[in-house]
Protein backbone atom coordinates (compact mmCIF):
# COMPACT_ATOMS: atom_id res chain seq x y z
CA MET A 1 -0.28 0.26 -0.10
CA ALA A 2 1.62 3.21 -1.14
CA VAL A 3 0.72 6.57 1.05
CA LYS A 4 1.99 9.95 0.13
CA THR A 5 3.24 12.59 2.75
CA ASN A 6 5.33 15.67 2.40
CA GLY A 7 6.54 14.95 -1.31
CA ALA A 8 7.61 11.10 -0.68
CA THR A 9 6.00 7.84 -1.20
CA VAL A 10 5.73 5.52 1.51
CA GLU A 11 4.99 1.96 -0.12
CA ASN A 12 5.77 -1.26 2.44
CA ASN A 13 7.95 0.72 5.26
CA PHE A 14 10.02 2.13 2.07
CA ILE A 15 10.35 5.96 1.36
CA HIS A 16 10.32 6.71 -2.58
CA LYS A 17 11.03 10.59 -2.39
CA GLU A 18 9.57 12.19 -5.56
CA GLU A 19 12.01 14.08 -7.99
CA LEU A 20 11.54 17.57 -8.11
CA LEU A 21 12.46 20.09 -10.78
CA GLN A 22 15.73 21.03 -9.60
CA ASP A 23 17.19 17.26 -8.74
CA ALA A 24 16.55 16.92 -12.90
CA LEU A 25 18.05 20.16 -14.07
CA ARG A 26 20.81 18.99 -11.99
CA SER A 27 20.90 15.69 -13.31
CA LEU A 28 20.37 17.18 -16.81
CA PHE A 29 23.54 19.75 -16.75
CA SER A 30 25.62 17.44 -14.65
CA SER A 31 25.89 15.26 -17.49
CA ILE A 32 26.66 17.80 -19.98
CA ILE A 33 29.48 19.90 -18.09
CA TYR A 34 30.79 16.74 -16.17
CA PRO A 35 30.86 14.33 -18.69
CA LYS A 36 32.44 10.47 -17.92
CA ALA A 37 36.20 10.49 -17.31
CA SER A 38 36.02 6.50 -18.95
CA ALA A 39 34.34 7.17 -22.07
CA PRO A 40 34.69 10.94 -23.02
CA THR A 41 32.27 12.42 -25.72
CA PRO A 42 31.74 15.47 -27.64
CA LEU A 43 29.81 18.20 -26.51
CA LEU A 44 26.63 17.70 -28.63
CA GLN A 45 26.38 14.08 -28.45
CA ARG A 46 26.57 14.44 -24.42
CA ILE A 47 23.54 17.26 -24.71
CA LYS A 48 21.75 15.37 -26.87
CA ILE A 49 22.42 11.80 -24.66
CA SER A 50 21.54 14.17 -21.82
CA VAL A 51 18.24 15.87 -23.28
CA SER A 52 17.24 12.25 -24.48
CA GLU A 53 17.77 10.62 -21.02
CA ASN A 54 16.33 13.57 -18.51
CA LEU A 55 13.39 14.74 -20.95
CA PRO A 56 10.91 12.31 -19.30
CA ARG A 57 12.48 13.04 -15.68
CA LEU A 58 12.25 16.75 -16.13
CA VAL A 59 8.30 16.32 -17.14
CA GLU A 60 7.58 14.03 -14.21
CA ALA A 61 9.55 16.33 -11.90
CA SER A 62 7.85 19.56 -13.06
CA ARG A 63 4.79 17.83 -12.56
CA ASN A 64 5.81 16.90 -8.72
CA THR A 65 7.17 20.50 -8.16
CA SER A 66 3.81 22.29 -9.38
CA ARG A 67 1.76 19.98 -6.74
CA SER A 68 4.10 20.46 -4.32
CA VAL A 69 4.17 24.45 -5.18
CA LEU A 70 0.13 24.11 -5.15
CA GLN A 71 0.04 22.17 -1.91
CA TRP A 72 2.16 24.42 0.10
CA THR A 73 0.12 27.44 -1.59
CA ARG A 74 -2.87 26.12 0.08
CA SER A 75 -1.62 25.19 3.23
CA GLY A 76 -0.91 28.93 3.67
CA SER A 77 -2.35 32.25 4.16
CA PRO A 78 -3.60 34.44 1.35
CA LEU A 79 -0.04 36.34 1.42
CA ARG A 80 1.52 33.18 0.47
CA ALA A 81 -0.76 32.98 -2.66
CA LEU A 82 0.00 36.48 -3.77
CA LEU A 83 4.01 35.49 -3.10
CA VAL A 84 3.54 32.37 -5.35
CA ILE A 85 1.46 34.34 -8.15
CA SER A 86 4.18 37.51 -8.04
CA VAL A 87 7.34 34.87 -8.37
CA GLY A 88 5.48 33.02 -10.84
CA THR A 89 4.74 36.17 -13.07
CA ILE A 90 8.27 37.38 -12.87
CA THR A 91 9.70 34.28 -13.89
CA PHE A 92 7.20 33.95 -16.74
CA LEU A 93 8.28 37.35 -17.85
CA THR A 94 11.99 36.57 -17.57
CA LEU A 95 11.50 33.52 -19.59
CA ALA A 96 9.45 35.22 -22.41
CA GLY A 97 11.78 37.85 -22.28
CA LEU A 98 14.65 35.68 -23.02
CA LEU A 99 13.06 33.00 -25.32
CA LEU A 100 11.88 36.00 -27.59
CA PHE A 101 15.66 37.45 -27.55
CA THR A 102 16.63 33.72 -28.20
CA LEU A 103 14.29 33.95 -31.24
CA PHE A 104 15.35 37.09 -32.53
CA PHE A 105 19.26 36.19 -32.02
CA LEU A 106 19.00 32.76 -34.14
CA ALA A 107 16.71 34.46 -36.91
CA ALA A 108 19.67 37.69 -37.28
CA THR A 109 22.44 34.96 -36.98
CA VAL A 110 20.91 32.76 -39.78
CA ASN A 111 20.62 35.79 -41.81
CA ALA A 112 24.16 37.14 -41.18
CA ILE A 113 25.32 33.43 -42.09
CA ILE A 114 23.72 33.88 -45.45
CA ILE A 115 24.93 37.07 -46.00
CA SER A 116 28.60 36.21 -45.41
CA SER A 117 27.82 33.49 -47.99
CA LEU A 118 26.67 36.10 -50.52
CA ILE A 119 29.69 38.51 -49.93
CA ALA A 120 32.25 35.31 -50.27
CA LEU A 121 30.26 34.79 -53.74
CA ALA A 122 30.28 38.02 -54.76
CA ALA A 123 33.45 38.72 -53.95
CA ALA A 124 34.66 39.76 -57.51
CA GLY A 125 32.02 42.52 -57.32
CA VAL A 126 33.26 45.60 -55.22
CA PHE A 127 29.54 47.02 -55.20
CA PHE A 128 27.67 44.16 -54.30
CA ALA A 129 30.56 43.16 -51.61
CA ILE A 130 29.89 46.90 -49.82
CA PHE A 131 26.24 46.33 -50.30
CA PHE A 132 26.28 43.13 -48.31
CA ALA A 133 28.30 44.54 -45.39
CA CYS A 134 26.23 47.20 -45.05
CA VAL A 135 22.99 44.86 -44.79
CA THR A 136 25.03 42.83 -42.05
CA VAL A 137 25.86 46.06 -40.36
CA ILE A 138 22.17 47.17 -40.44
CA TYR A 139 21.48 43.30 -39.23
CA ILE A 140 23.86 44.12 -35.98
CA VAL A 141 22.42 47.58 -35.10
CA ALA A 142 18.76 45.55 -35.26
CA LEU A 143 20.19 43.03 -33.13
CA SER A 144 21.64 45.38 -30.68
CA VAL A 145 18.18 47.64 -30.82
CA ALA A 146 16.05 44.55 -30.30
CA ALA A 147 18.08 43.30 -27.06
CA PHE A 148 18.01 46.82 -25.85
CA VAL A 149 14.48 46.73 -26.75
CA ILE A 150 13.56 43.18 -25.07
CA SER A 151 15.38 43.60 -22.02
CA THR A 152 14.32 47.12 -21.06
CA ALA A 153 10.79 45.68 -21.77
CA THR A 154 11.11 42.88 -19.81
CA ILE A 155 12.72 44.74 -16.86
CA SER A 156 9.99 47.34 -16.90
CA ALA A 157 7.45 44.36 -17.09
CA MET A 158 9.24 43.11 -13.86
CA ILE A 159 9.33 45.91 -11.66
CA ALA A 160 5.54 46.55 -12.83
CA ALA A 161 4.58 42.93 -11.56
CA VAL A 162 6.73 43.84 -8.01
CA VAL A 163 5.41 47.21 -7.76
CA VAL A 164 1.61 45.93 -8.15
CA THR A 165 2.53 42.69 -5.70
CA GLY A 166 4.07 44.95 -3.26
CA TRP A 167 0.81 47.48 -3.27
CA ILE A 168 -1.57 44.89 -3.25
CA GLY A 169 0.46 43.19 -0.20
CA PHE A 170 0.13 46.49 1.82
CA PHE A 171 -3.40 47.10 1.18
CA TRP A 172 -4.00 43.20 2.25
CA ALA A 173 -1.88 43.70 5.16
CA VAL A 174 -3.91 47.02 6.33
CA TRP A 175 -7.34 45.37 5.59
CA LEU A 176 -5.81 42.28 8.01
CA GLY A 177 -4.75 45.08 10.66
CA THR A 178 -7.98 46.94 10.17
CA LYS A 179 -9.98 43.99 10.78
CA LYS A 180 -8.06 42.61 13.73
CA SER A 181 -8.41 45.82 15.27
CA MET A 182 -12.05 45.84 14.53
CA GLU A 183 -12.54 42.36 16.07
CA LEU A 184 -10.04 43.46 19.19
CA ALA A 185 -12.34 46.79 19.75
CA LYS A 186 -15.44 44.69 19.47
CA HIS A 187 -14.32 42.41 21.55
CA SER A 188 -13.33 44.70 24.27
CA PHE A 189 -16.84 46.68 23.92
CA SER A 190 -18.35 43.28 24.91
CA MET A 191 -15.95 42.78 27.71
CA THR A 192 -17.10 46.08 29.05
CA GLY A 193 -20.60 45.76 28.71
CA SER A 194 -20.41 42.27 30.26
CA ALA A 195 -18.48 43.84 33.32
CA LEU A 196 -20.90 46.81 33.74
CA SER A 197 -23.72 44.13 33.73
CA ALA A 198 -22.21 42.23 36.17
CA TRP A 199 -21.22 45.13 38.29
CA GLU A 200 -24.62 46.89 38.28
CA PRO A 201 -26.78 44.18 40.30
CA ASN A 202 -23.86 44.10 43.01
CA LYS A 203 -24.02 48.11 43.31
CA VAL A 204 -28.13 47.67 43.77
CA SER A 205 -27.81 44.78 46.21
CA ASP A 206 -25.68 46.78 48.26
């Protein structure tokens, strides 16, 4: 019989710990950066082998991590949920900006390779060589501008997410403080009323 407790599965008195995302990523990069000394392989082959071996583990580890974060969020206060949402939003914006820049960089790199090949083919013609060189410079400038714009937009979005989260947390804390103060004042009034009610009959009897 298997029982899950705190991210681990207890089965027949043996504890099987669920693999999380950081463990799978560590295994993925360690097999690429630190190859086996007995059988060294080229970098591209190590990347291919590591991805093919660890991709199913990454999928399962992502599910386990999402389940653990969801359980941790549900077991806490609304402020914990706000923290998880803010961190997730910032992480998503960062990854989206990185992906967008990577796609633009790959497109510019392919175009630069094509233009370099055309320059080599048109080396006999000075005009075509100058033209393709100018186009290459334009691509490099466009890549730099795109990197600046994407990084600025990503950083601005991250700062906006942090500011919005901070203001939401501030108003939430003020609301909780006001609610607790009102409950305390209500309790104090009820205690005072009870004390006065108990004191008045004693005074009349005296």
